[in-house]
């Protein structure tokens, strides 16, 4: 991909699996990352930043598997992050080898505050590092992206010099990060405009933007950057990421779709052009949002733009009346555009496996035989309990079954006794990793508390429950309930998710899923490195 090929469209660079995973509690295992990567490919993202290969063996494996499985000739570019060191860059290149199209994304800070306190280097040293490391990356792959970290707080003249050197050394994309979410839209637009006007060789590279949402301005900043020449947007599903998160992919894509007549002229298109400005299949947005939410354990708030539960809901009588007469009175987009439907599945408990598979395929799920078997069993169980099964019920079943939490402790039985004049009591039976069945009981302040205390007595792994959330998938007394929890162990977080018509069972299973992740992590004791919090001198580069 070259700069000229993208002047009239916007490249969507998804960093859910890299920056998004840096959200507290959002740690994903290899299989979960692969599941999300496959869905991102169906969504139509141009680039998947699959991880930071040097940070841990697990991240290396995840990037390598995604490169092998999703990095096909007609699939997205697979990108790996690397600090501006030979070790990082070499490791990223190795992990990306299986991809048909790969990109190394290397970075070094350029703001004076980062140079003084984090890198402890002067400007000349940073210029030399950026030039040599981009050149080294270019010797390993054709597609190199360079980021001057904390560009938003960098001296513009120094920033221009670093970018010019990086492009001359072979960078095909230069990314401008607002690392701490400090800029306002007009400032961000002016920053991109200044780069366009003051970096002599900028026409040889695509300008990308990356920004955090600390002031709630990330999406607005990106849209202003587009007007001033940015052609790649680095974003995450549901806007997840460090601190207040990143610019939300679904919000950016739909803003560019709904308001394309406004943005068309900035990309050299006729104002009335109906061609989409991105390659995203918007009908996959809702499903992708749900998948990422379920696997990371990070819930989407109801009033979230585009994918929130209330995004297309109308309670006001005036609004309801207007929508009934004409949707355009209070809706600027059709819910079906993002993949929301009210369809009811026509399958019943007598339906066969092939019909079930066909319906899931229509919904965009491509399951392995093993995953299909597990989901089909759950479907049959649900069909015995519910008369009508909606597409959202199916999504809940499938997302629950395809989550690959470590299969260590298994819930065999859960029973509770409670009431307004009774002491909540729970009995659980678990199968341990060595195959033994252990049963214990406990009392609590409520049935779920009692269940969790009983499970803790069996598993015996210290932890702190910091978040517990229950959501109904659909309306009705027989609705599936989804439970999402997060546990803390020392400074690490582990999420669990489960869905069931019995909310107590779902609560127990979600807790087991989180405990299994915690237990597996304790067995591995695998350190995780945050690239933005690691000083460059941790791995000393060789500068010629």
Protein backbone atom coordinates (compact mmCIF):
# COMPACT_ATOMS: atom_id res chain seq x y z
CA UNK A 1 0.00 0.00 0.00
CA UNK A 2 1.45 3.40 -0.89
CA UNK A 3 0.50 6.93 -0.05
CA UNK A 4 -1.06 7.65 -3.42
CA UNK A 5 -3.41 4.68 -3.29
CA UNK A 6 -5.20 5.98 -0.22
CA UNK A 7 -5.65 9.69 -0.88
CA UNK A 8 -9.38 9.34 -1.52
CA UNK A 9 -10.23 6.92 1.29
CA UNK A 10 -9.50 6.33 4.95
CA UNK A 11 -7.41 3.37 6.11
CA UNK A 12 -8.73 1.77 9.30
CA UNK A 13 -5.90 0.53 11.52
CA UNK A 14 -7.31 -1.52 14.40
CA UNK A 15 -5.25 -1.73 17.58
CA UNK A 16 -7.82 -3.52 19.78
CA UNK A 17 -5.44 -6.46 20.22
CA UNK A 18 -2.50 -4.25 21.17
CA UNK A 19 -3.46 -0.93 22.76
CA UNK A 20 -6.97 -2.13 23.60
CA UNK A 21 -5.57 -5.07 25.54
CA UNK A 22 -3.66 -2.63 27.75
CA UNK A 23 -6.96 -1.79 29.46
CA UNK A 24 -6.90 -3.04 33.07
CA UNK A 25 -8.56 -6.47 33.11
CA UNK A 26 -8.72 -6.85 29.35
CA UNK A 27 -5.92 -9.40 29.01
CA UNK A 28 -6.69 -11.95 26.29
CA UNK A 29 -5.21 -15.38 25.67
CA UNK A 30 -3.95 -16.51 22.27
CA UNK A 31 -7.17 -18.20 21.17
CA UNK A 32 -9.27 -15.21 22.19
CA UNK A 33 -6.99 -12.88 20.23
CA UNK A 34 -7.31 -15.14 17.20
CA UNK A 35 -11.11 -15.14 17.51
CA UNK A 36 -11.18 -11.33 17.55
CA UNK A 37 -8.67 -11.10 14.70
CA UNK A 38 -10.88 -13.30 12.50
CA UNK A 39 -13.84 -11.05 13.23
CA UNK A 40 -11.80 -7.92 12.50
CA UNK A 41 -10.97 -9.41 9.11
CA UNK A 42 -14.69 -9.99 8.45
CA UNK A 43 -15.32 -6.41 9.55
CA UNK A 44 -12.94 -5.27 6.83
CA UNK A 45 -10.23 -3.43 8.75
CA UNK A 46 -7.19 -2.64 6.60
CA UNK A 47 -4.55 -3.23 9.27
CA UNK A 48 -4.61 -5.34 12.45
CA UNK A 49 -2.02 -4.40 15.04
CA UNK A 50 -1.88 -7.89 16.51
CA UNK A 51 0.38 -7.19 19.46
CA UNK A 52 3.83 -6.33 20.80
CA UNK A 53 5.85 -9.51 20.06
CA UNK A 54 8.87 -8.69 22.22
CA UNK A 55 6.78 -8.07 25.35
CA UNK A 56 6.14 -11.74 26.16
CA UNK A 57 6.17 -15.25 24.65
CA UNK A 58 2.36 -15.17 24.71
CA UNK A 59 2.21 -12.00 22.64
CA UNK A 60 4.77 -13.39 20.19
CA UNK A 61 2.68 -16.54 19.75
CA UNK A 62 -0.52 -14.54 19.29
CA UNK A 63 1.00 -12.30 16.60
CA UNK A 64 2.48 -15.33 14.84
CA UNK A 65 -0.82 -17.26 14.87
CA UNK A 66 -2.77 -14.26 13.63
CA UNK A 67 -0.19 -13.78 10.87
CA UNK A 68 -0.60 -17.45 9.88
CA UNK A 69 -4.39 -17.59 10.06
CA UNK A 70 -5.70 -14.11 9.25
CA UNK A 71 -2.77 -12.66 7.29
CA UNK A 72 -3.85 -14.16 3.96
CA UNK A 73 -3.18 -12.47 0.59
CA UNK A 74 -6.73 -11.08 0.53
CA UNK A 75 -6.81 -10.36 4.27
CA UNK A 76 -5.66 -7.36 6.30
CA UNK A 77 -2.08 -6.24 6.83
CA UNK A 78 -0.79 -7.76 10.08
CA UNK A 79 1.24 -5.34 12.16
CA UNK A 80 3.53 -5.84 15.15
CA UNK A 81 4.65 -3.11 17.54
CA UNK A 82 8.33 -2.63 18.37
CA UNK A 83 10.27 -0.06 20.31
CA UNK A 84 13.13 1.52 18.39
CA UNK A 85 15.59 -1.24 19.29
CA UNK A 86 17.06 -3.99 17.14
CA UNK A 87 15.86 -6.71 19.52
CA UNK A 88 12.25 -5.52 19.41
CA UNK A 89 12.26 -5.05 15.64
CA UNK A 90 13.91 -8.40 14.92
CA UNK A 91 11.41 -10.20 17.18
CA UNK A 92 8.48 -8.46 15.48
CA UNK A 93 9.77 -9.43 12.03
CA UNK A 94 10.09 -13.05 13.12
CA UNK A 95 6.53 -13.17 14.50
CA UNK A 96 5.13 -11.55 11.34
CA UNK A 97 6.88 -13.88 8.86
CA UNK A 98 3.80 -16.05 8.10
CA UNK A 99 1.70 -13.05 6.99
CA UNK A 100 1.24 -12.38 3.28
CA UNK A 101 1.43 -8.64 4.08
CA UNK A 102 3.22 -7.53 7.23
CA UNK A 103 4.14 -4.24 8.85
CA UNK A 104 6.53 -3.33 11.63
CA UNK A 105 5.38 -0.36 13.72
CA UNK A 106 8.32 1.13 15.59
CA UNK A 107 8.26 4.13 17.89
CA UNK A 108 10.35 6.42 20.05
CA UNK A 109 9.27 9.40 22.16
CA UNK A 110 9.93 12.92 20.91
CA UNK A 111 8.47 15.24 23.56
CA UNK A 112 10.97 16.98 25.84
CA UNK A 113 9.28 15.58 28.94
CA UNK A 114 9.71 12.00 27.65
CA UNK A 115 13.29 12.64 26.50
CA UNK A 116 14.27 14.03 29.90
CA UNK A 117 12.48 11.69 32.28
CA UNK A 118 11.91 8.44 30.36
CA UNK A 119 14.58 8.10 27.70
CA UNK A 120 17.25 10.31 29.31
CA UNK A 121 18.48 11.19 25.83
CA UNK A 122 18.94 14.38 23.87
CA UNK A 123 17.32 15.29 20.55
CA UNK A 124 20.32 14.36 18.41
CA UNK A 125 20.41 10.88 19.95
CA UNK A 126 16.69 10.38 19.28
CA UNK A 127 17.08 11.53 15.67
CA UNK A 128 19.86 9.01 15.15
CA UNK A 129 17.90 6.18 16.80
CA UNK A 130 14.77 6.88 14.75
CA UNK A 131 16.70 6.94 11.47
CA UNK A 132 18.71 3.79 12.12
CA UNK A 133 15.86 1.73 13.54
CA UNK A 134 13.46 2.60 10.73
CA UNK A 135 16.21 1.66 8.26
CA UNK A 136 16.77 -1.62 10.11
CA UNK A 137 13.03 -2.41 10.07
CA UNK A 138 12.95 -1.59 6.35
CA UNK A 139 15.66 -4.18 5.76
CA UNK A 140 13.32 -6.84 7.20
CA UNK A 141 9.91 -5.83 5.78
CA UNK A 142 8.71 -3.53 3.02
CA UNK A 143 6.01 -1.82 5.09
CA UNK A 144 7.30 0.22 8.04
CA UNK A 145 5.32 2.57 10.25
CA UNK A 146 7.04 5.07 12.53
CA UNK A 147 5.52 6.87 15.52
CA UNK A 148 7.01 9.80 17.45
CA UNK A 149 5.45 9.01 20.82
CA UNK A 150 3.77 11.96 22.57
CA UNK A 151 3.81 13.94 19.31
CA UNK A 152 1.01 16.11 20.67
CA UNK A 153 3.37 17.62 23.25
CA UNK A 154 6.50 17.63 21.07
CA UNK A 155 8.22 20.74 19.73
CA UNK A 156 6.86 21.04 16.14
CA UNK A 157 10.23 21.84 14.57
CA UNK A 158 11.85 18.80 16.16
CA UNK A 159 8.85 16.68 15.19
CA UNK A 160 9.20 17.74 11.54
CA UNK A 161 12.89 16.81 11.60
CA UNK A 162 12.25 13.35 13.08
CA UNK A 163 9.49 12.59 10.57
CA UNK A 164 11.65 13.70 7.64
CA UNK A 165 14.47 11.41 8.77
CA UNK A 166 12.09 8.48 9.34
CA UNK A 167 10.52 8.80 5.88
CA UNK A 168 13.95 9.11 4.25
CA UNK A 169 14.97 5.91 6.07
CA UNK A 170 12.01 4.03 4.60
CA UNK A 171 8.89 4.66 6.69
CA UNK A 172 5.79 4.18 4.52
CA UNK A 173 3.43 5.46 7.24
CA UNK A 174 4.12 8.11 9.87
CA UNK A 175 1.76 8.01 12.82
CA UNK A 176 1.07 11.09 14.93
CA UNK A 177 0.04 10.00 18.45
CA UNK A 178 -1.73 12.16 20.99
CA UNK A 179 -0.44 9.72 23.59
CA UNK A 180 -1.98 11.38 26.63
CA UNK A 181 -5.18 12.71 25.04
CA UNK A 182 -4.14 16.33 25.58
CA UNK A 183 -5.03 18.07 22.31
CA UNK A 184 -8.28 19.69 21.20
CA UNK A 185 -9.66 19.19 17.67
CA UNK A 186 -8.42 22.52 16.33
CA UNK A 187 -4.94 21.89 17.78
CA UNK A 188 -4.82 18.36 16.35
CA UNK A 189 -5.92 19.58 12.93
CA UNK A 190 -3.26 22.30 13.03
CA UNK A 191 -0.62 19.73 13.99
CA UNK A 192 -1.44 17.57 10.95
CA UNK A 193 -1.58 20.62 8.70
CA UNK A 194 1.82 21.76 9.97
CA UNK A 195 3.31 18.36 9.18
CA UNK A 196 1.86 18.47 5.66
CA UNK A 197 3.36 21.92 5.10
CA UNK A 198 6.76 21.50 6.79
CA UNK A 199 7.99 17.94 6.19
CA UNK A 200 9.51 18.05 2.67
CA UNK A 201 9.08 14.34 1.87
CA UNK A 202 5.67 13.86 3.52
CA UNK A 203 4.12 12.95 0.15
CA UNK A 204 6.11 9.70 0.30
CA UNK A 205 4.22 8.44 3.36
CA UNK A 206 0.68 8.08 4.65
CA UNK A 207 -0.16 10.27 7.64
CA UNK A 208 -1.78 8.26 10.44
CA UNK A 209 -3.22 9.40 13.78
CA UNK A 210 -3.46 7.70 17.15
CA UNK A 211 -5.13 9.30 20.13
CA UNK A 212 -6.47 8.68 23.60
CA UNK A 213 -9.77 9.83 25.00
CA UNK A 214 -8.71 11.40 28.29
CA UNK A 215 -10.73 14.55 27.57
CA UNK A 216 -13.42 12.77 25.54
CA UNK A 217 -12.11 14.31 22.30
CA UNK A 218 -10.41 11.41 20.50
CA UNK A 219 -13.03 10.89 17.77
CA UNK A 220 -13.45 14.63 17.20
CA UNK A 221 -9.67 15.00 16.99
CA UNK A 222 -9.42 12.26 14.38
CA UNK A 223 -12.17 13.72 12.21
CA UNK A 224 -10.40 17.08 12.27
CA UNK A 225 -7.17 15.30 11.34
CA UNK A 226 -8.91 13.76 8.31
CA UNK A 227 -9.88 17.24 7.10
CA UNK A 228 -6.22 18.26 7.30
CA UNK A 229 -4.67 15.29 5.50
CA UNK A 230 -4.62 12.23 7.78
CA UNK A 231 -5.53 9.10 5.82
CA UNK A 232 -5.11 6.36 8.43
CA UNK A 233 -6.99 6.20 11.74
CA UNK A 234 -5.69 4.02 14.58
CA UNK A 235 -8.65 3.00 16.71
CA UNK A 236 -10.17 0.22 18.80
CA UNK A 237 -13.50 -1.56 19.03
CA UNK A 238 -15.68 0.08 21.70
CA UNK A 239 -12.87 2.60 22.22
CA UNK A 240 -11.11 0.33 24.74
CA UNK A 241 -7.54 1.09 25.73
CA UNK A 242 -5.37 2.57 28.44
CA UNK A 243 -6.93 5.03 30.90
CA UNK A 244 -10.01 6.53 29.16
CA UNK A 245 -9.38 4.46 26.05
CA UNK A 246 -8.78 5.14 22.36
CA UNK A 247 -10.79 6.65 19.54
CA UNK A 248 -13.71 4.26 18.95
CA UNK A 249 -13.64 2.51 15.57
CA UNK A 250 -17.42 2.23 15.27
CA UNK A 251 -17.91 5.94 15.97
CA UNK A 252 -15.30 7.01 13.42
CA UNK A 253 -16.59 4.70 10.71
CA UNK A 254 -20.23 5.71 11.13
CA UNK A 255 -19.38 9.42 11.37
CA UNK A 256 -17.56 9.11 8.05
CA UNK A 257 -20.44 7.11 6.59
CA UNK A 258 -23.37 9.22 7.77
CA UNK A 259 -21.59 12.51 7.04
CA UNK A 260 -19.72 11.39 3.91
CA UNK A 261 -21.14 14.26 1.86
CA UNK A 262 -19.45 16.64 4.31
CA UNK A 263 -16.12 14.79 4.30
CA UNK A 264 -16.02 13.88 0.57
CA UNK A 265 -14.45 17.19 -0.58
CA UNK A 266 -11.60 16.84 1.94
CA UNK A 267 -10.68 13.59 0.20
CA UNK A 268 -10.98 15.04 -3.30
CA UNK A 269 -14.34 13.43 -4.02
CA UNK A 270 -17.50 15.04 -5.37
CA UNK A 271 -19.63 16.17 -2.42
CA UNK A 272 -22.58 14.04 -3.54
CA UNK A 273 -20.56 10.81 -3.93
CA UNK A 274 -22.26 7.85 -2.23
CA UNK A 275 -19.11 5.71 -2.11
CA UNK A 276 -18.13 4.79 1.47
CA UNK A 277 -14.97 6.44 2.77
CA UNK A 278 -13.72 3.22 4.42
CA UNK A 279 -13.64 -0.48 3.54
CA UNK A 280 -15.53 -1.43 6.71
CA UNK A 281 -18.59 -3.68 6.43
CA UNK A 282 -20.74 -1.70 8.84
CA UNK A 283 -23.17 -4.62 9.28
CA UNK A 284 -20.43 -6.36 11.27
CA UNK A 285 -19.97 -3.52 13.76
CA UNK A 286 -22.49 -4.57 16.39
CA UNK A 287 -21.38 -8.21 16.42
CA UNK A 288 -17.73 -7.19 16.66
CA UNK A 289 -18.54 -4.86 19.54
CA UNK A 290 -20.33 -7.63 21.41
CA UNK A 291 -17.52 -10.12 20.82
CA UNK A 292 -14.84 -7.77 22.11
CA UNK A 293 -16.98 -6.81 25.10
CA UNK A 294 -17.58 -10.44 26.03
CA UNK A 295 -13.99 -11.59 25.62
CA UNK A 296 -12.39 -8.65 27.41
CA UNK A 297 -15.03 -8.39 30.12
CA UNK A 298 -15.37 -4.67 29.41
CA UNK A 299 -19.05 -3.83 29.15
CA UNK A 300 -20.45 -1.29 26.72
CA UNK A 301 -22.42 1.39 28.56
CA UNK A 302 -26.05 1.65 27.40
CA UNK A 303 -25.67 5.22 26.13
CA UNK A 304 -22.55 4.43 24.09
CA UNK A 305 -22.76 5.90 20.58
CA UNK A 306 -23.51 3.44 17.74
CA UNK A 307 -23.34 0.13 19.67
CA UNK A 308 -24.87 0.95 23.09
CA UNK A 309 -28.13 -0.73 24.08
CA UNK A 310 -29.94 2.63 24.01
CA UNK A 311 -28.39 3.91 20.77
CA UNK A 312 -31.57 3.14 18.81
CA UNK A 313 -34.06 3.17 21.72
CA UNK A 314 -36.72 5.87 22.12
CA UNK A 315 -38.60 6.38 25.38
CA UNK A 316 -39.88 9.94 24.99
CA UNK A 317 -43.47 9.97 23.76
CA UNK A 318 -42.70 12.73 21.26
CA UNK A 319 -39.73 10.77 19.90
CA UNK A 320 -41.70 7.53 19.71
CA UNK A 321 -44.49 9.23 17.79
CA UNK A 322 -42.03 10.77 15.35
CA UNK A 323 -40.15 7.53 14.74
CA UNK A 324 -43.37 5.62 14.14
CA UNK A 325 -44.34 8.16 11.48
CA UNK A 326 -40.90 8.37 9.90
CA UNK A 327 -37.61 7.06 11.34
CA UNK A 328 -35.73 10.04 9.93
CA UNK A 329 -37.41 12.33 12.45
CA UNK A 330 -35.16 11.12 15.25
CA UNK A 331 -32.72 8.64 13.69
CA UNK A 332 -29.78 9.62 11.47
CA UNK A 333 -28.91 6.02 10.61
CA UNK A 334 -30.68 2.70 10.28
CA UNK A 335 -29.97 0.15 13.02
CA UNK A 336 -29.58 -2.51 10.33
CA UNK A 337 -26.54 -0.62 9.03
CA UNK A 338 -24.54 -1.78 12.06
CA UNK A 339 -26.00 -5.29 12.04
CA UNK A 340 -28.87 -4.86 14.49
CA UNK A 341 -31.96 -6.83 13.48
CA UNK A 342 -35.19 -7.91 15.16
CA UNK A 343 -35.25 -11.21 13.29
CA UNK A 344 -36.42 -14.27 15.16
CA UNK A 345 -34.74 -17.54 14.32
CA UNK A 346 -37.13 -20.06 12.77
CA UNK A 347 -35.22 -23.03 14.15
CA UNK A 348 -36.76 -25.09 16.93
CA UNK A 349 -35.70 -27.96 19.13
CA UNK A 350 -36.29 -30.39 16.25
CA UNK A 351 -34.03 -28.45 13.87
CA UNK A 352 -30.91 -30.16 12.60
CA UNK A 353 -27.25 -29.25 12.84
CA UNK A 354 -26.97 -28.11 9.20
CA UNK A 355 -29.83 -25.64 9.57
CA UNK A 356 -28.24 -24.35 12.75
CA UNK A 357 -24.86 -23.95 11.04
CA UNK A 358 -26.48 -22.14 8.09
CA UNK A 359 -28.19 -19.63 10.36
CA UNK A 360 -24.97 -18.93 12.24
CA UNK A 361 -23.20 -18.41 8.93
CA UNK A 362 -25.84 -15.84 7.96
CA UNK A 363 -25.06 -14.05 11.23
CA UNK A 364 -21.36 -14.04 10.33
CA UNK A 365 -20.12 -16.85 12.60
CA UNK A 366 -17.64 -19.33 11.10
CA UNK A 367 -17.21 -22.07 13.70
CA UNK A 368 -14.96 -25.12 13.82
CA UNK A 369 -16.69 -28.48 14.15
CA UNK A 370 -15.83 -28.60 17.85
CA UNK A 371 -17.18 -25.08 18.46
CA UNK A 372 -20.32 -25.88 16.45
CA UNK A 373 -20.97 -29.03 18.49
CA UNK A 374 -20.72 -27.12 21.77
CA UNK A 375 -22.93 -24.29 20.52
CA UNK A 376 -25.50 -26.74 19.11
CA UNK A 377 -25.83 -28.49 22.46
CA UNK A 378 -26.43 -25.12 24.14
CA UNK A 379 -28.97 -24.22 21.44
CA UNK A 380 -30.92 -27.45 22.09
CA UNK A 381 -30.90 -26.80 25.83
CA UNK A 382 -32.18 -23.27 25.26
CA UNK A 383 -34.85 -24.43 22.79
CA UNK A 384 -36.33 -26.56 25.58
CA UNK A 385 -36.67 -23.46 27.77
CA UNK A 386 -37.67 -20.72 25.32
CA UNK A 387 -40.40 -20.65 22.69
CA UNK A 388 -38.70 -18.04 20.55
CA UNK A 389 -34.94 -17.71 20.10
CA UNK A 390 -33.70 -14.42 18.69
CA UNK A 391 -30.52 -13.75 16.80
CA UNK A 392 -29.20 -11.99 19.90
CA UNK A 393 -29.81 -15.19 21.90
CA UNK A 394 -27.78 -17.07 19.32
CA UNK A 395 -24.98 -14.51 19.51
CA UNK A 396 -24.90 -14.88 23.29
CA UNK A 397 -24.71 -18.68 23.03
CA UNK A 398 -21.98 -18.66 20.40
CA UNK A 399 -19.88 -15.94 22.03
CA UNK A 400 -20.12 -17.80 25.33
CA UNK A 401 -19.09 -21.13 23.85
CA UNK A 402 -16.22 -19.98 21.65
CA UNK A 403 -14.44 -18.15 24.46
CA UNK A 404 -11.28 -20.09 25.13
CA UNK A 405 -10.75 -19.77 28.86
CA UNK A 406 -8.29 -22.38 30.20
CA UNK A 407 -10.10 -25.64 30.86
CA UNK A 408 -8.83 -26.22 34.42
CA UNK A 409 -11.59 -26.14 37.04
CA UNK A 410 -15.01 -27.30 35.80
CA UNK A 411 -18.34 -26.51 37.40
CA UNK A 412 -20.23 -29.78 37.90
CA UNK A 413 -23.02 -28.66 40.26
CA UNK A 414 -24.34 -25.50 41.88
CA UNK A 415 -27.29 -25.32 44.25
CA UNK A 416 -28.53 -22.38 46.29
CA UNK A 417 -31.05 -21.83 49.04
CA UNK A 418 -32.21 -18.32 49.88
CA UNK A 419 -35.19 -16.19 50.80
CA UNK A 420 -36.18 -13.09 52.74
CA UNK A 421 -36.03 -15.01 56.03
CA UNK A 422 -33.32 -17.51 55.11
CA UNK A 423 -29.54 -17.42 55.22
CA UNK A 424 -28.30 -17.63 51.60
CA UNK A 425 -26.45 -20.93 51.28
CA UNK A 426 -24.69 -22.44 48.26
CA UNK A 427 -23.27 -25.86 47.52
CA UNK A 428 -20.88 -26.34 44.60
CA UNK A 429 -19.08 -29.30 43.10
CA UNK A 430 -16.00 -28.66 40.98
CA UNK A 431 -13.78 -30.94 38.96
CA UNK A 432 -10.18 -29.95 39.67
CA UNK A 433 -7.36 -29.90 37.07
CA UNK A 434 -6.18 -33.33 38.27
CA UNK A 435 -9.66 -34.85 37.74
CA UNK A 436 -10.90 -34.94 41.34
CA UNK A 437 -14.43 -33.88 42.25
CA UNK A 438 -14.60 -31.65 45.31
CA UNK A 439 -17.74 -30.33 47.00
CA UNK A 440 -18.06 -27.51 49.50
CA UNK A 441 -20.68 -25.12 50.83
CA UNK A 442 -20.78 -21.58 52.15
CA UNK A 443 -23.15 -18.86 53.26
CA UNK A 444 -23.14 -15.28 52.02
CA UNK A 445 -24.97 -11.98 51.91
CA UNK A 446 -26.90 -13.26 48.86
CA UNK A 447 -27.01 -16.34 46.61
CA UNK A 448 -24.21 -15.19 44.29
CA UNK A 449 -21.97 -14.21 47.20
CA UNK A 450 -22.57 -17.64 48.75
CA UNK A 451 -21.72 -19.38 45.45
CA UNK A 452 -18.49 -17.41 45.09
CA UNK A 453 -17.43 -18.13 48.66
CA UNK A 454 -18.09 -21.84 48.14
CA UNK A 455 -16.06 -21.83 44.91
CA UNK A 456 -13.20 -20.02 46.66
CA UNK A 457 -13.11 -22.69 49.36
CA UNK A 458 -12.50 -25.32 46.66
CA UNK A 459 -10.13 -23.41 44.36
CA UNK A 460 -8.24 -21.72 47.20
CA UNK A 461 -6.65 -18.97 45.10
CA UNK A 462 -6.73 -15.53 46.77
CA UNK A 463 -8.46 -12.85 44.70
CA UNK A 464 -10.62 -9.75 44.99
CA UNK A 465 -13.89 -9.41 43.08
CA UNK A 466 -13.86 -5.83 41.78
CA UNK A 467 -16.69 -5.88 39.25
CA UNK A 468 -19.89 -7.86 38.81
CA UNK A 469 -22.41 -7.06 36.09
CA UNK A 470 -25.59 -8.74 34.85
CA UNK A 471 -27.28 -7.88 31.57
CA UNK A 472 -30.37 -9.29 29.91
CA UNK A 473 -29.79 -10.25 26.28
CA UNK A 474 -33.45 -9.86 25.31
CA UNK A 475 -36.70 -8.88 26.99
CA UNK A 476 -38.94 -11.37 28.79
CA UNK A 477 -38.91 -13.54 31.87
CA UNK A 478 -37.14 -16.32 29.94
CA UNK A 479 -34.33 -14.06 28.66
CA UNK A 480 -30.72 -15.17 28.68
CA UNK A 481 -28.71 -13.35 31.31
CA UNK A 482 -25.08 -12.46 30.66
CA UNK A 483 -22.73 -12.12 33.61
CA UNK A 484 -19.38 -10.38 33.35
CA UNK A 485 -16.96 -10.19 36.26
CA UNK A 486 -13.44 -8.98 36.91
CA UNK A 487 -11.02 -10.21 39.55
CA UNK A 488 -7.88 -8.61 40.90
CA UNK A 489 -4.79 -10.55 41.94
CA UNK A 490 -1.94 -8.28 43.06
CA UNK A 491 -1.83 -5.68 40.24
CA UNK A 492 -3.30 -7.93 37.55
CA UNK A 493 -6.90 -8.26 36.44
CA UNK A 494 -8.78 -11.27 35.06
CA UNK A 495 -12.21 -11.28 33.45
CA UNK A 496 -14.87 -13.94 33.15
CA UNK A 497 -18.08 -14.08 31.15
CA UNK A 498 -20.97 -16.54 30.89
CA UNK A 499 -24.55 -16.63 29.61
CA UNK A 500 -27.46 -18.73 30.84
CA UNK A 501 -31.20 -18.46 31.44
CA UNK A 502 -30.36 -19.18 35.10
CA UNK A 503 -28.49 -16.14 36.37
CA UNK A 504 -27.00 -18.06 39.32
CA UNK A 505 -25.49 -20.64 36.99
CA UNK A 506 -24.19 -17.89 34.72
CA UNK A 507 -22.65 -16.13 37.73
CA UNK A 508 -20.92 -19.30 38.87
CA UNK A 509 -19.58 -20.11 35.41
CA UNK A 510 -18.31 -16.56 34.86
CA UNK A 511 -16.43 -16.77 38.16
CA UNK A 512 -14.93 -20.13 37.22
CA UNK A 513 -13.81 -18.71 33.85
CA UNK A 514 -12.05 -15.80 35.56
CA UNK A 515 -10.47 -18.06 38.17
CA UNK A 516 -9.20 -20.38 35.45
CA UNK A 517 -7.47 -17.45 33.76
CA UNK A 518 -5.96 -16.41 37.07
CA UNK A 519 -4.88 -19.97 37.89
CA UNK A 520 -3.31 -20.42 34.44
CA UNK A 521 -1.43 -17.12 34.79
CA UNK A 522 -0.04 -18.18 38.17
CA UNK A 523 1.19 -21.40 36.62
CA UNK A 524 2.89 -19.54 33.75
CA UNK A 525 4.04 -16.53 35.78
CA UNK A 526 4.48 -14.75 32.43
CA UNK A 527 5.46 -11.06 32.79
CA UNK A 528 3.65 -8.50 30.67
CA UNK A 529 5.43 -5.40 29.37
CA UNK A 530 3.60 -2.22 28.58
CA UNK A 531 5.51 -0.64 25.67
CA UNK A 532 4.50 2.90 26.55
CA UNK A 533 5.70 2.51 30.12
CA UNK A 534 9.04 0.87 29.33
CA UNK A 535 12.12 3.03 28.96
CA UNK A 536 14.19 2.61 25.82
CA UNK A 537 17.34 1.92 27.81
CA UNK A 538 15.70 -1.27 29.20
CA UNK A 539 16.96 -2.84 25.99
CA UNK A 540 19.98 -0.85 24.84
CA UNK A 541 20.01 -0.28 21.07
CA UNK A 542 23.16 -0.36 18.98
CA UNK A 543 23.58 2.99 17.24
CA UNK A 544 26.17 3.21 14.50
